[in-house]
Amino acid sequence: MHNNLQTKTLKKSVIFSLLLITSILLASCKNNVEPTTTSGFKFNTYISITAYNKVDSVVLDKCLELCDTYENLYSRTIQTSTLSKVNNHEITEIPGELATLIQYGIQYGDLSNGAFDITIGSVSSLWDFTSDKPQVPNSSDINSALSYVNYKNISLQKKPGSDDTYLISIPNGTIIDLGAVAKGYIADKLKEYLLDNGVTSAIINLGGNILCIGNKPNDTAFNIGVKKPFSESGESLATLKISNKSVVSSGTYERYFTKDGQLYHHILDPKTGYPYNNQLTSVTIISDSSVQGDCLSTTCFTLGLDEGLKLIESLDGIEAIFVTSDDQIHYSSGASKYIVTN
């Protein structure tokens, strides 16, 4: 039963990505542009990169290699990754790119007063939302793991005399988890790489993280669908017109399972060790950078509707769409300019 549920969740995510890509391809064909696409399964999700101006397919294929490179740097679950070596106290020196991601985590931990905490790894490692038979962890194990959760216990400083090496120290038992940060950072890096290689019109789709480069070939905005949570068909609850911006969504529908009639999702509360239960089902962030959108989508989810909206309204150039469990949609004050109306 749980295996079927997980499979259905993955299929719906893939179907939504395919529908998104198909709609964009059709729009491009109307303008006599031959798009170039590469795709694969990375970060436990379906990803694709599509360019709309002329580009060698080798350039796009390199994006998949870059994804592997970054995953081997930031992954908590790959035992040979640089982050895993930090968590296992095998190394104390890390490259600047990993330090940058950790600094983002600390920044948004401060911004959320600890509701967003990248040291949640000791707890998240107890939960397996991709298992064929997922189980709710033992409460005593969760309580024990919570004692290691506090991002303020991370010591990070630049190595004296080095331009791009940092020294890091974490307490025994603490596990850094960058799952709520890394995909956005990687999307930004892929955009940088594509721009350096002459790509001026493209969509980077990392499954929940979408980053648009420029406009469509006819110089109009891309139409990006915001997925309706738990939709069986992958339908959109809104369509956004996006030019050179990022759209990142976080929600309870991404990775979850049900046990004894209770839904358990992957966004965990660092105070309780259990999934947040704040009547939100998704948060979508529109921003210039994808790493900012990634951090904010999770941060705003952890804060809940009222505090999340309050945070967004305090930030320049950021808009958000919140969906509550009663299927109501709540927009930040400037989000309407991105909404496609019939």
Protein backbone atom coordinates (compact mmCIF):
# COMPACT_ATOMS: atom_id res chain seq x y z
CA MET A 1 0.00 0.00 0.00
CA HIS A 2 2.72 2.46 0.99
CA ASN A 3 4.78 1.47 -2.03
CA ASN A 4 1.85 2.28 -4.31
CA LEU A 5 1.38 5.63 -2.58
CA GLN A 6 5.04 6.53 -3.05
CA THR A 7 4.96 5.42 -6.67
CA LYS A 8 1.85 7.48 -7.34
CA THR A 9 3.49 10.53 -5.77
CA LEU A 10 6.55 10.16 -7.99
CA LYS A 11 4.46 9.54 -11.10
CA LYS A 12 2.38 12.65 -10.44
CA SER A 13 5.55 14.72 -10.07
CA VAL A 14 6.93 13.34 -13.32
CA ILE A 15 3.61 13.86 -15.13
CA PHE A 16 3.47 17.48 -13.95
CA SER A 17 7.03 18.09 -15.16
CA LEU A 18 6.24 16.52 -18.53
CA LEU A 19 3.08 18.60 -18.92
CA LEU A 20 5.05 21.74 -18.12
CA ILE A 21 7.76 20.89 -20.63
CA THR A 22 5.21 19.95 -23.29
CA SER A 23 3.36 23.25 -22.97
CA ILE A 24 6.60 25.17 -23.33
CA LEU A 25 7.72 23.11 -26.31
CA LEU A 26 4.44 23.74 -28.07
CA ALA A 27 4.80 27.45 -27.49
CA SER A 28 8.30 27.35 -28.92
CA CYS A 29 7.30 25.36 -31.99
CA LYS A 30 4.84 28.06 -32.88
CA ASN A 31 7.80 30.39 -33.23
CA ASN A 32 9.79 27.99 -35.42
CA VAL A 33 12.37 27.39 -32.70
CA GLU A 34 13.81 23.94 -32.22
CA PRO A 35 14.34 23.56 -28.47
CA THR A 36 17.09 21.34 -27.11
CA THR A 37 16.36 19.32 -23.97
CA THR A 38 18.28 17.05 -21.65
CA SER A 39 16.73 15.23 -18.71
CA GLY A 40 17.45 12.70 -16.03
CA PHE A 41 16.68 11.51 -12.52
CA LYS A 42 18.73 13.47 -9.99
CA PHE A 43 18.24 14.47 -6.35
CA ASN A 44 15.56 11.79 -6.12
CA THR A 45 13.38 13.62 -8.65
CA TYR A 46 12.89 14.13 -12.40
CA ILE A 47 14.83 17.08 -13.77
CA SER A 48 15.15 18.69 -17.19
CA ILE A 49 17.00 21.57 -18.84
CA THR A 50 15.58 23.02 -22.05
CA ALA A 51 17.24 25.70 -24.19
CA TYR A 52 15.30 27.70 -26.80
CA ASN A 53 18.16 29.37 -28.62
CA LYS A 54 20.65 27.38 -30.66
CA VAL A 55 23.00 25.40 -28.45
CA ASP A 56 25.05 22.22 -28.74
CA SER A 57 23.42 19.35 -26.86
CA VAL A 58 26.79 18.69 -25.22
CA VAL A 59 26.36 21.94 -23.30
CA LEU A 60 23.08 20.75 -21.81
CA ASP A 61 24.41 17.26 -21.09
CA LYS A 62 27.18 18.89 -19.09
CA CYS A 63 24.43 20.20 -16.79
CA LEU A 64 23.67 16.63 -15.72
CA GLU A 65 27.35 16.10 -14.92
CA LEU A 66 27.33 19.29 -12.86
CA CYS A 67 24.31 17.99 -10.94
CA ASP A 68 26.27 14.88 -10.03
CA THR A 69 29.26 16.98 -8.99
CA TYR A 70 27.16 19.14 -6.69
CA GLU A 71 25.25 16.18 -5.27
CA ASN A 72 28.56 14.60 -4.31
CA LEU A 73 29.38 17.80 -2.49
CA TYR A 74 26.10 18.53 -0.67
CA SER A 75 24.26 15.22 -0.21
CA ARG A 76 23.55 13.99 3.31
CA THR A 77 22.74 10.47 2.14
CA ILE A 78 25.73 9.79 -0.16
CA GLN A 79 28.32 8.50 2.28
CA THR A 80 31.26 9.66 0.16
CA SER A 81 30.00 13.24 -0.24
CA THR A 82 31.90 16.13 1.28
CA LEU A 83 28.96 16.96 3.56
CA SER A 84 28.76 13.37 4.81
CA LYS A 85 32.47 13.52 5.65
CA VAL A 86 31.76 16.65 7.71
CA ASN A 87 28.86 14.96 9.47
CA ASN A 88 31.02 11.92 10.18
CA HIS A 89 33.89 14.09 11.48
CA GLU A 90 36.23 12.81 8.79
CA ILE A 91 37.20 16.32 7.63
CA THR A 92 37.29 19.80 9.12
CA GLU A 93 38.24 21.74 5.98
CA ILE A 94 35.64 22.37 3.29
CA PRO A 95 35.52 24.23 -0.05
CA GLY A 96 33.93 27.65 -0.32
CA GLU A 97 30.86 26.39 -2.20
CA LEU A 98 29.86 24.09 0.65
CA ALA A 99 30.57 26.84 3.16
CA THR A 100 28.31 29.17 1.16
CA LEU A 101 25.40 26.73 1.40
CA ILE A 102 25.89 26.31 5.14
CA GLN A 103 26.02 30.08 5.55
CA TYR A 104 22.67 30.34 3.74
CA GLY A 105 21.26 27.80 6.18
CA ILE A 106 22.52 29.78 9.16
CA GLN A 107 21.14 33.01 7.69
CA TYR A 108 17.65 31.59 7.27
CA GLY A 109 17.82 29.93 10.66
CA ASP A 110 18.32 33.39 12.12
CA LEU A 111 15.59 34.86 9.90
CA SER A 112 13.07 32.27 11.13
CA ASN A 113 14.19 32.23 14.76
CA GLY A 114 15.15 28.59 14.41
CA ALA A 115 12.02 27.32 12.65
CA PHE A 116 14.32 26.56 9.70
CA ASP A 117 17.28 24.54 10.96
CA ILE A 118 19.85 22.79 8.75
CA THR A 119 20.99 20.61 11.67
CA ILE A 120 17.67 18.75 11.44
CA GLY A 121 19.65 15.86 9.92
CA SER A 122 19.77 13.80 13.12
CA VAL A 123 15.97 13.77 12.99
CA SER A 124 15.41 13.61 9.22
CA SER A 125 17.70 10.57 9.03
CA LEU A 126 15.14 8.71 11.15
CA TRP A 127 12.41 9.31 8.58
CA ASP A 128 12.43 7.56 5.20
CA PHE A 129 9.80 8.96 2.88
CA THR A 130 11.03 6.94 -0.10
CA SER A 131 10.89 3.53 1.58
CA ASP A 132 8.62 0.80 0.22
CA LYS A 133 7.25 0.49 3.75
CA PRO A 134 7.76 3.84 5.50
CA GLN A 135 7.33 3.91 9.26
CA VAL A 136 6.89 6.59 11.91
CA PRO A 137 10.08 6.65 14.00
CA ASN A 138 9.99 5.70 17.66
CA SER A 139 9.22 8.76 19.79
CA SER A 140 12.18 8.09 22.11
CA ASP A 141 14.52 8.04 19.08
CA ILE A 142 13.09 11.36 17.90
CA ASN A 143 13.49 12.94 21.35
CA SER A 144 17.08 11.73 21.52
CA ALA A 145 17.86 13.09 18.03
CA LEU A 146 16.37 16.49 18.88
CA SER A 147 19.15 17.09 21.40
CA TYR A 148 21.56 17.45 18.47
CA VAL A 149 19.45 19.99 16.56
CA ASN A 150 20.70 23.55 16.86
CA TYR A 151 22.24 25.33 13.88
CA LYS A 152 23.96 27.79 16.23
CA ASN A 153 26.32 24.98 17.24
CA ILE A 154 27.96 25.12 13.80
CA SER A 155 31.37 26.78 13.87
CA LEU A 156 32.39 28.03 10.42
CA GLN A 157 35.25 30.36 9.55
CA LYS A 158 37.61 31.00 6.66
CA LYS A 159 40.92 29.20 6.94
CA PRO A 160 43.67 31.75 7.65
CA GLY A 161 45.70 32.49 4.55
CA SER A 162 43.18 30.79 2.21
CA ASP A 163 40.81 32.40 -0.26
CA ASP A 164 38.36 29.50 -0.66
CA THR A 165 38.82 27.01 2.17
CA TYR A 166 36.84 27.08 5.39
CA LEU A 167 37.21 25.40 8.76
CA ILE A 168 34.07 23.77 10.14
CA SER A 169 33.26 22.14 13.44
CA ILE A 170 30.01 20.56 14.65
CA PRO A 171 29.26 18.67 17.88
CA ASN A 172 29.21 14.88 17.89
CA GLY A 173 25.74 13.67 16.88
CA THR A 174 24.88 16.80 14.90
CA ILE A 175 24.02 16.16 11.24
CA ILE A 176 23.77 18.97 8.71
CA ASP A 177 21.03 18.48 6.10
CA LEU A 178 21.08 20.90 3.14
CA GLY A 179 18.07 19.39 1.37
CA ALA A 180 16.08 22.62 1.72
CA VAL A 181 18.89 24.74 0.27
CA ALA A 182 20.99 22.83 -2.25
CA LYS A 183 18.68 22.48 -5.28
CA GLY A 184 18.17 26.23 -5.48
CA TYR A 185 21.89 26.85 -5.32
CA ILE A 186 22.52 24.22 -8.00
CA ALA A 187 19.88 25.77 -10.27
CA ASP A 188 21.62 29.14 -9.95
CA LYS A 189 24.95 27.51 -10.80
CA LEU A 190 23.44 25.81 -13.85
CA LYS A 191 22.07 29.16 -15.00
CA GLU A 192 25.51 30.72 -14.61
CA TYR A 193 27.06 27.89 -16.63
CA LEU A 194 24.45 28.14 -19.40
CA LEU A 195 24.82 31.91 -19.71
CA ASP A 196 28.59 31.46 -19.98
CA ASN A 197 27.95 29.07 -22.87
CA GLY A 198 25.66 31.35 -24.86
CA VAL A 199 22.26 30.15 -23.64
CA THR A 200 19.97 33.17 -23.39
CA SER A 201 16.54 31.49 -23.35
CA ALA A 202 16.00 28.39 -21.21
CA ILE A 203 14.15 26.67 -18.41
CA ILE A 204 15.92 24.75 -15.66
CA ASN A 205 13.47 22.39 -13.97
CA LEU A 206 14.87 20.60 -10.91
CA GLY A 207 11.54 19.22 -9.74
CA GLY A 208 9.84 21.90 -7.65
CA ASN A 209 12.64 24.35 -8.47
CA ILE A 210 12.16 26.13 -11.79
CA LEU A 211 14.52 28.82 -13.01
CA CYS A 212 13.88 30.75 -16.21
CA ILE A 213 16.68 32.27 -18.24
CA GLY A 214 15.43 35.25 -20.26
CA ASN A 215 12.16 34.95 -22.18
CA LYS A 216 10.64 32.64 -24.76
CA PRO A 217 11.98 33.00 -28.34
CA ASN A 218 9.18 35.44 -29.19
CA ASP A 219 10.36 37.61 -26.27
CA THR A 220 7.32 36.91 -24.13
CA ALA A 221 7.38 35.51 -20.61
CA PHE A 222 7.39 31.78 -19.89
CA ASN A 223 4.16 30.33 -18.53
CA ILE A 224 4.92 28.33 -15.38
CA GLY A 225 2.28 26.25 -13.65
CA VAL A 226 2.01 26.15 -9.86
CA LYS A 227 1.01 22.62 -9.01
CA LYS A 228 -2.22 22.02 -7.13
CA PRO A 229 -1.27 20.02 -4.01
CA PHE A 230 -2.21 16.32 -4.18
CA SER A 231 -3.75 16.71 -7.64
CA GLU A 232 -4.14 13.30 -9.31
CA SER A 233 -3.61 14.76 -12.78
CA GLY A 234 -0.88 17.27 -11.94
CA GLU A 235 -3.19 20.20 -12.68
CA SER A 236 -2.12 23.75 -11.91
CA LEU A 237 -3.87 25.99 -9.42
CA ALA A 238 -2.33 29.06 -11.07
CA THR A 239 -0.20 29.94 -14.09
CA LEU A 240 2.60 32.46 -13.71
CA LYS A 241 4.23 34.62 -16.39
CA ILE A 242 7.92 34.48 -15.58
CA SER A 243 10.90 36.24 -17.17
CA ASN A 244 14.41 35.60 -15.86
CA LYS A 245 13.19 34.60 -12.41
CA SER A 246 12.93 31.56 -10.18
CA VAL A 247 9.78 29.76 -9.05
CA VAL A 248 10.26 27.35 -6.13
CA SER A 249 7.54 25.38 -4.37
CA SER A 250 7.68 23.42 -1.13
CA GLY A 251 4.78 21.42 0.17
CA THR A 252 3.37 18.46 2.01
CA TYR A 253 2.58 16.70 -1.29
CA GLU A 254 6.22 16.34 -2.37
CA ARG A 255 7.30 13.45 -0.12
CA TYR A 256 4.84 11.91 2.27
CA PHE A 257 3.19 8.72 3.45
CA THR A 258 0.08 7.85 5.44
CA LYS A 259 -0.01 5.66 8.54
CA ASP A 260 -3.18 4.84 10.45
CA GLY A 261 -5.00 7.56 8.55
CA GLN A 262 -2.41 10.24 9.40
CA LEU A 263 -0.37 11.99 6.70
CA TYR A 264 3.33 12.46 7.45
CA HIS A 265 5.32 14.79 5.17
CA HIS A 266 9.01 15.64 4.90
CA ILE A 267 9.09 19.20 6.31
CA LEU A 268 10.02 18.51 9.93
CA ASP A 269 9.67 20.79 12.94
CA PRO A 270 13.05 21.14 14.70
CA LYS A 271 11.23 21.61 17.99
CA THR A 272 9.18 18.39 17.86
CA GLY A 273 10.90 16.18 15.28
CA TYR A 274 7.56 15.54 13.56
CA PRO A 275 6.15 17.12 10.39
CA TYR A 276 4.81 20.65 10.71
CA ASN A 277 1.06 20.77 11.22
CA ASN A 278 0.16 24.39 10.48
CA GLN A 279 -2.65 24.04 7.90
CA LEU A 280 -0.33 24.82 4.99
CA THR A 281 -0.02 22.46 2.03
CA SER A 282 2.35 24.47 -0.17
CA VAL A 283 4.36 27.66 -0.46
CA THR A 284 5.62 29.01 -3.79
CA ILE A 285 8.26 31.73 -3.95
CA ILE A 286 8.98 34.01 -6.94
CA SER A 287 12.47 35.51 -6.72
CA ASP A 288 15.52 36.45 -8.74
CA SER A 289 17.72 33.67 -7.38
CA SER A 290 16.66 30.07 -6.91
CA VAL A 291 18.66 29.54 -3.73
CA GLN A 292 16.75 32.41 -2.15
CA GLY A 293 13.48 30.89 -3.35
CA ASP A 294 14.49 27.46 -2.02
CA CYS A 295 15.37 28.79 1.42
CA LEU A 296 12.29 31.01 1.61
CA SER A 297 9.79 28.38 0.44
CA THR A 298 10.77 26.13 3.33
CA THR A 299 11.25 28.99 5.79
CA CYS A 300 7.81 30.44 5.05
CA PHE A 301 6.26 26.98 5.32
CA THR A 302 7.81 26.51 8.76
CA LEU A 303 6.57 29.94 9.88
CA GLY A 304 2.98 29.32 8.79
CA LEU A 305 0.66 31.54 6.77
CA ASP A 306 0.57 34.73 8.86
CA GLU A 307 4.24 34.92 9.82
CA GLY A 308 5.31 33.65 6.40
CA LEU A 309 3.40 36.39 4.61
CA LYS A 310 4.74 38.94 7.06
CA LEU A 311 8.29 37.88 6.21
CA ILE A 312 7.67 38.07 2.45
CA GLU A 313 6.18 41.56 2.73
CA SER A 314 9.35 42.69 4.53
CA LEU A 315 11.60 41.57 1.65
CA ASP A 316 12.17 43.50 -1.57
CA GLY A 317 11.59 41.77 -4.91
CA ILE A 318 10.07 38.59 -3.43
CA GLU A 319 6.50 37.37 -3.90
CA ALA A 320 4.74 34.27 -2.61
CA ILE A 321 1.70 32.07 -3.01
CA PHE A 322 0.47 30.12 0.02
CA VAL A 323 -2.05 27.27 -0.19
CA THR A 324 -3.82 26.13 2.96
CA SER A 325 -5.31 22.74 3.74
CA ASP A 326 -8.80 24.05 2.92
CA ASP A 327 -7.57 24.72 -0.66
CA GLN A 328 -7.60 28.48 -0.19
CA ILE A 329 -4.93 30.47 -2.07
CA HIS A 330 -3.24 33.43 -0.36
CA TYR A 331 -1.07 35.85 -2.36
CA SER A 332 1.54 38.33 -1.23
CA SER A 333 0.75 41.94 -2.13
CA GLY A 334 2.72 42.00 -5.39
CA ALA A 335 2.11 38.46 -6.64
CA SER A 336 -0.83 39.43 -8.86
CA LYS A 337 1.47 40.92 -11.51
CA TYR A 338 2.77 37.40 -12.25
CA ILE A 339 -0.62 35.70 -12.51
CA VAL A 340 -1.91 34.78 -15.97
CA THR A 341 -5.58 35.65 -16.15
CA ASN A 342 -8.03 34.26 -18.70
